[in-house]
C-alpha atoms as a PDB file:
ATOM      1  CA  MET A   1      25.456  53.848 -13.940  1.00  0.00           C
ATOM      2  CA  LYS A   2      28.378  51.619 -13.158  1.00  0.00           C
ATOM      3  CA  VAL A   3      29.695  51.454  -9.596  1.00  0.00           C
ATOM      4  CA  HIS A   4      33.382  50.860  -9.275  1.00  0.00           C
ATOM      5  CA  LEU A   5      34.339  48.986  -6.100  1.00  0.00           C
ATOM      6  CA  THR A   6      37.753  49.821  -4.820  1.00  0.00           C
ATOM      7  CA  LYS A   7      39.647  47.938  -2.160  1.00  0.00           C
ATOM      8  CA  ASP A   8      38.699  50.561   0.416  1.00  0.00           C
ATOM      9  CA  ARG A   9      34.990  50.257  -0.375  1.00  0.00           C
ATOM     10  CA  LEU A  10      35.119  46.431  -0.302  1.00  0.00           C
ATOM     11  CA  ALA A  11      36.894  46.497   3.055  1.00  0.00           C
ATOM     12  CA  ARG A  12      34.362  48.987   4.441  1.00  0.00           C
ATOM     13  CA  MET A  13      31.424  46.896   3.140  1.00  0.00           C
ATOM     14  CA  ARG A  14      32.873  43.706   4.695  1.00  0.00           C
ATOM     15  CA  PHE A  15      33.316  45.495   8.014  1.00  0.00           C
ATOM     16  CA  ILE A  16      29.733  46.843   7.937  1.00  0.00           C
ATOM     17  CA  LEU A  17      28.422  43.402   6.970  1.00  0.00           C
ATOM     18  CA  ALA A  18      30.362  41.744   9.814  1.00  0.00           C
ATOM     19  CA  VAL A  19      29.115  44.274  12.390  1.00  0.00           C
ATOM     20  CA  THR A  20      25.531  43.868  11.153  1.00  0.00           C
ATOM     21  CA  ALA A  21      25.779  40.068  11.300  1.00  0.00           C
ATOM     22  CA  MET A  22      27.153  40.220  14.849  1.00  0.00           C
ATOM     23  CA  LEU A  23      24.361  42.520  15.987  1.00  0.00           C
ATOM     24  CA  VAL A  24      21.668  40.378  14.385  1.00  0.00           C
ATOM     25  CA  LEU A  25      23.073  37.082  15.642  1.00  0.00           C
ATOM     26  CA  HIS A  26      23.620  38.485  19.118  1.00  0.00           C
ATOM     27  CA  ASN A  27      19.928  39.310  19.514  1.00  0.00           C
ATOM     28  CA  VAL A  28      18.568  36.064  18.056  1.00  0.00           C
ATOM     29  CA  SER A  29      18.103  33.249  20.560  1.00  0.00           C
ATOM     30  CA  ALA A  30      19.043  29.791  19.357  1.00  0.00           C
ATOM     31  CA  PHE A  31      16.271  27.278  18.892  1.00  0.00           C
ATOM     32  CA  ALA A  32      18.083  24.651  20.973  1.00  0.00           C
ATOM     33  CA  GLN A  33      18.041  26.840  24.044  1.00  0.00           C
ATOM     34  CA  ALA A  34      15.300  25.938  26.468  1.00  0.00           C
ATOM     35  CA  GLY A  35      13.413  28.443  28.542  1.00  0.00           C
ATOM     36  CA  GLY A  36      13.268  31.317  26.095  1.00  0.00           C
ATOM     37  CA  GLY A  37      16.970  31.858  25.560  1.00  0.00           C
ATOM     38  CA  THR A  38      18.153  31.472  29.157  1.00  0.00           C
ATOM     39  CA  GLY A  39      21.168  29.444  28.030  1.00  0.00           C
ATOM     40  CA  PHE A  40      22.262  25.856  28.330  1.00  0.00           C
ATOM     41  CA  ASN A  41      20.749  23.963  31.205  1.00  0.00           C
ATOM     42  CA  SER A  42      22.136  20.484  31.884  1.00  0.00           C
ATOM     43  CA  THR A  43      19.051  19.572  33.917  1.00  0.00           C
ATOM     44  CA  ASP A  44      16.849  19.982  30.844  1.00  0.00           C
ATOM     45  CA  LEU A  45      19.254  17.813  28.848  1.00  0.00           C
ATOM     46  CA  LYS A  46      19.268  15.151  31.569  1.00  0.00           C
ATOM     47  CA  THR A  47      15.467  15.195  31.726  1.00  0.00           C
ATOM     48  CA  GLY A  48      15.221  14.814  27.960  1.00  0.00           C
ATOM     49  CA  ILE A  49      17.665  11.922  27.892  1.00  0.00           C
ATOM     50  CA  SER A  50      15.921  10.269  30.828  1.00  0.00           C
ATOM     51  CA  ASN A  51      12.514  10.568  29.149  1.00  0.00           C
ATOM     52  CA  SER A  52      13.903   9.192  25.880  1.00  0.00           C
ATOM     53  CA  LEU A  53      15.480   6.262  27.679  1.00  0.00           C
ATOM     54  CA  ALA A  54      12.239   5.615  29.544  1.00  0.00           C
ATOM     55  CA  VAL A  55      10.346   5.317  26.249  1.00  0.00           C
ATOM     56  CA  ILE A  56      13.020   2.999  24.824  1.00  0.00           C
ATOM     57  CA  MET A  57      12.937   0.886  27.983  1.00  0.00           C
ATOM     58  CA  MET A  58       9.142   0.583  27.791  1.00  0.00           C
ATOM     59  CA  PHE A  59       9.320  -0.624  24.188  1.00  0.00           C
ATOM     60  CA  GLY A  60      12.143  -3.015  25.103  1.00  0.00           C
ATOM     61  CA  PHE A  61      10.186  -4.406  28.033  1.00  0.00           C
ATOM     62  CA  VAL A  62       7.104  -5.034  25.881  1.00  0.00           C
ATOM     63  CA  LEU A  63       9.283  -6.595  23.159  1.00  0.00           C
ATOM     64  CA  GLY A  64      11.043  -8.820  25.708  1.00  0.00           C
ATOM     65  CA  ILE A  65       7.786 -10.003  27.243  1.00  0.00           C
ATOM     66  CA  SER A  66       6.347 -10.776  23.801  1.00  0.00           C
ATOM     67  CA  ALA A  67       9.525 -12.732  22.933  1.00  0.00           C
ATOM     68  CA  VAL A  68       9.127 -14.798  26.108  1.00  0.00           C
ATOM     69  CA  ILE A  69       5.490 -15.500  25.230  1.00  0.00           C
ATOM     70  CA  TYR A  70       6.501 -16.433  21.666  1.00  0.00           C
ATOM     71  CA  GLY A  71       9.119 -18.816  23.112  1.00  0.00           C
ATOM     72  CA  GLY A  72       6.457 -20.494  25.217  1.00  0.00           C
ATOM     73  CA  PHE A  73       4.269 -20.995  22.155  1.00  0.00           C
ATOM     74  CA  ALA A  74       7.267 -22.328  20.191  1.00  0.00           C
ATOM     75  CA  ILE A  75       7.990 -24.910  22.905  1.00  0.00           C
ATOM     76  CA  ARG A  76       4.331 -25.887  22.898  1.00  0.00           C
ATOM     77  CA  ARG A  77       4.507 -26.440  19.112  1.00  0.00           C
ATOM     78  CA  GLY A  78       7.525 -28.699  19.577  1.00  0.00           C
ATOM     79  CA  ASP A  79      10.317 -26.332  18.528  1.00  0.00           C
ATOM     80  CA  VAL A  80      12.142 -26.536  21.845  1.00  0.00           C
ATOM     81  CA  ASP A  81      15.482 -25.055  20.764  1.00  0.00           C
ATOM     82  CA  GLN A  82      13.882 -21.988  19.169  1.00  0.00           C
ATOM     83  CA  GLY A  83      11.587 -21.607  22.176  1.00  0.00           C
ATOM     84  CA  LYS A  84      14.430 -21.680  24.696  1.00  0.00           C
ATOM     85  CA  MET A  85      16.453 -19.154  22.720  1.00  0.00           C
ATOM     86  CA  SER A  86      13.438 -16.872  22.419  1.00  0.00           C
ATOM     87  CA  ILE A  87      12.742 -17.074  26.147  1.00  0.00           C
ATOM     88  CA  ILE A  88      16.383 -16.347  27.050  1.00  0.00           C
ATOM     89  CA  GLY A  89      16.588 -13.476  24.555  1.00  0.00           C
ATOM     90  CA  GLY A  90      13.278 -12.015  25.731  1.00  0.00           C
ATOM     91  CA  ALA A  91      14.375 -12.186  29.360  1.00  0.00           C
ATOM     92  CA  ILE A  92      17.632 -10.396  28.527  1.00  0.00           C
ATOM     93  CA  ILE A  93      15.808  -7.678  26.565  1.00  0.00           C
ATOM     94  CA  ALA A  94      13.192  -7.160  29.280  1.00  0.00           C
ATOM     95  CA  ALA A  95      15.748  -7.138  32.109  1.00  0.00           C
ATOM     96  CA  ALA A  96      18.345  -4.902  30.393  1.00  0.00           C
ATOM     97  CA  PRO A  97      17.211  -1.625  32.044  1.00  0.00           C
ATOM     98  CA  ALA A  98      17.331  -3.191  35.495  1.00  0.00           C
ATOM     99  CA  VAL A  99      20.794  -4.640  34.811  1.00  0.00           C
ATOM    100  CA  VAL A 100      22.116  -1.265  33.615  1.00  0.00           C
ATOM    101  CA  PHE A 101      20.615   0.451  36.645  1.00  0.00           C
ATOM    102  CA  ALA A 102      22.238  -2.154  38.919  1.00  0.00           C
ATOM    103  CA  PHE A 103      25.627  -1.448  37.338  1.00  0.00           C
ATOM    104  CA  TYR A 104      25.074   2.274  37.865  1.00  0.00           C
ATOM    105  CA  LYS A 105      24.343   1.564  41.550  1.00  0.00           C
ATOM    106  CA  ILE A 106      27.335  -0.769  41.931  1.00  0.00           C
ATOM    107  CA  PHE A 107      29.783   1.751  40.507  1.00  0.00           C
ATOM    108  CA  GLY A 108      28.224   4.694  42.345  1.00  0.00           C
ATOM    109  CA  LEU A 109      27.014   6.563  39.276  1.00  0.00           C
ATOM    110  CA  ASP A 110      23.341   6.681  40.263  1.00  0.00           C
ATOM    111  CA  ALA A 111      23.448  10.197  41.750  1.00  0.00           C
ATOM    112  CA  ASN A 112      24.217  11.836  38.402  1.00  0.00           C
ATOM    113  CA  SER A 113      22.837   9.224  36.049  1.00  0.00           C
ATOM    114  CA  SER A 114      20.147   9.754  33.476  1.00  0.00           C
ATOM    115  CA  VAL A 115      19.074   6.103  33.686  1.00  0.00           C
ATOM    116  CA  GLY A 116      16.343   5.014  36.031  1.00  0.00           C
ATOM    117  CA  VAL A 117      13.945   2.117  36.223  1.00  0.00           C
ATOM    118  CA  GLY A 118      12.182   3.039  39.418  1.00  0.00           C
ATOM    119  CA  SER A 119      12.839   1.938  42.954  1.00  0.00           C
ATOM    120  CA  PHE A 120      13.688  -1.659  43.823  1.00  0.00           C
END
Protein backbone atom coordinates (compact mmCIF):
# COMPACT_ATOMS: atom_id res chain seq x y z
CA MET A 1 0.00 0.00 0.00
CA LYS A 2 1.52 3.24 -1.14
CA VAL A 3 0.57 6.47 0.62
CA HIS A 4 0.54 9.53 -1.54
CA LEU A 5 1.37 12.73 0.36
CA THR A 6 -0.24 15.79 -1.06
CA LYS A 7 0.61 19.36 -0.17
CA ASP A 8 -2.44 19.54 2.10
CA ARG A 9 -1.42 16.42 4.02
CA LEU A 10 2.19 17.62 4.38
CA ALA A 11 1.01 20.99 5.67
CA ARG A 12 -1.38 19.31 8.12
CA MET A 13 1.37 16.93 9.34
CA ARG A 14 3.81 19.84 9.85
CA PHE A 15 1.18 21.74 11.81
CA ILE A 16 0.41 18.70 14.01
CA LEU A 17 4.13 18.09 14.53
CA ALA A 18 4.71 21.73 15.50
CA VAL A 19 1.79 21.73 17.97
CA THR A 20 3.00 18.45 19.49
CA ALA A 21 6.56 19.77 19.83
CA MET A 22 5.30 22.94 21.51
CA LEU A 23 3.20 20.98 23.98
CA VAL A 24 6.04 18.60 24.81
CA LEU A 25 8.66 21.32 25.14
CA HIS A 26 6.34 23.50 27.20
CA ASN A 27 5.97 20.82 29.87
CA VAL A 28 9.64 19.81 30.04
CA SER A 29 11.74 21.81 32.48
CA ALA A 30 15.23 22.70 31.33
CA PHE A 31 18.14 21.08 33.09
CA ALA A 32 19.85 24.43 33.69
CA GLN A 33 16.97 25.70 35.76
CA ALA A 34 17.58 25.46 39.47
CA GLY A 35 14.92 24.68 42.00
CA GLY A 36 12.82 22.25 39.99
CA GLY A 37 11.93 24.48 37.07
CA THR A 38 11.20 27.69 38.98
CA GLY A 39 13.01 29.75 36.34
CA PHE A 40 16.21 31.73 36.20
CA ASN A 41 17.48 32.94 39.53
CA SER A 42 20.43 35.34 39.47
CA THR A 43 21.21 34.60 43.12
CA ASP A 44 21.92 30.96 42.28
CA LEU A 45 24.18 32.08 39.42
CA LYS A 46 26.01 34.52 41.70
CA THR A 47 26.46 31.82 44.34
CA GLY A 48 27.84 29.40 41.77
CA ILE A 49 30.28 31.95 40.39
CA SER A 50 31.34 32.96 43.89
CA ASN A 51 31.96 29.34 44.89
CA SER A 52 33.93 28.70 41.69
CA LEU A 53 36.04 31.78 42.27
CA ALA A 54 36.63 30.75 45.88
CA VAL A 55 38.04 27.39 44.74
CA ILE A 56 40.25 29.10 42.14
CA MET A 57 41.46 31.59 44.75
CA MET A 58 42.33 28.78 47.17
CA PHE A 59 44.39 27.00 44.52
CA GLY A 60 46.04 30.30 43.56
CA PHE A 61 46.89 31.07 47.17
CA VAL A 62 48.47 27.65 47.70
CA LEU A 63 50.37 27.98 44.40
CA GLY A 64 51.59 31.47 45.34
CA ILE A 65 52.77 30.37 48.76
CA SER A 66 54.61 27.39 47.26
CA ALA A 67 56.26 29.71 44.70
CA VAL A 68 57.46 31.97 47.52
CA ILE A 69 58.87 28.96 49.38
CA TYR A 70 60.55 27.73 46.17
CA GLY A 71 62.08 31.21 45.73
CA GLY A 72 63.51 31.04 49.24
CA PHE A 73 65.09 27.67 48.49
CA ALA A 74 66.45 29.00 45.18
CA ILE A 75 68.12 31.94 46.96
CA ARG A 76 69.56 29.53 49.50
CA ARG A 77 71.05 27.45 46.65
CA GLY A 78 72.67 30.57 45.21
CA ASP A 79 70.29 31.31 42.33
CA VAL A 80 69.37 34.77 43.58
CA ASP A 81 67.76 36.13 40.40
CA GLN A 82 65.47 33.11 39.98
CA GLY A 83 64.65 33.20 43.69
CA LYS A 84 63.67 36.87 43.66
CA MET A 85 61.48 36.42 40.59
CA SER A 86 59.80 33.40 42.14
CA ILE A 87 59.12 35.27 45.38
CA ILE A 88 57.69 38.30 43.54
CA GLY A 89 55.56 36.10 41.27
CA GLY A 90 54.32 34.01 44.19
CA ALA A 91 53.39 37.12 46.15
CA ILE A 92 51.44 38.49 43.18
CA ILE A 93 49.61 35.18 42.67
CA ALA A 94 48.77 34.81 46.36
CA ALA A 95 47.66 38.44 46.74
CA ALA A 96 45.61 38.65 43.51
CA PRO A 97 42.21 37.95 45.15
CA ALA A 98 42.79 40.62 47.78
CA VAL A 99 43.87 43.13 45.11
CA VAL A 100 40.77 42.41 43.00
CA PHE A 101 38.55 42.73 46.06
CA ALA A 102 40.22 46.05 46.92
CA PHE A 103 39.49 47.35 43.42
CA TYR A 104 35.87 46.25 43.80
CA LYS A 105 35.69 48.21 47.08
CA ILE A 106 37.40 51.28 45.60
CA PHE A 107 35.03 51.49 42.66
CA GLY A 108 31.95 50.68 44.75
CA LEU A 109 31.13 47.36 43.10
CA ASP A 110 31.28 45.26 46.27
CA ALA A 111 27.52 45.29 46.93
CA ASN A 112 26.71 43.31 43.78
CA SER A 113 30.01 41.56 43.23
CA SER A 114 30.55 37.84 43.07
CA VAL A 115 34.13 38.20 44.32
CA GLY A 116 34.95 37.96 47.99
CA VAL A 117 38.00 37.13 50.03
CA GLY A 118 36.53 37.57 53.46
CA SER A 119 36.58 40.56 55.75
CA PHE A 120 39.67 42.72 56.20
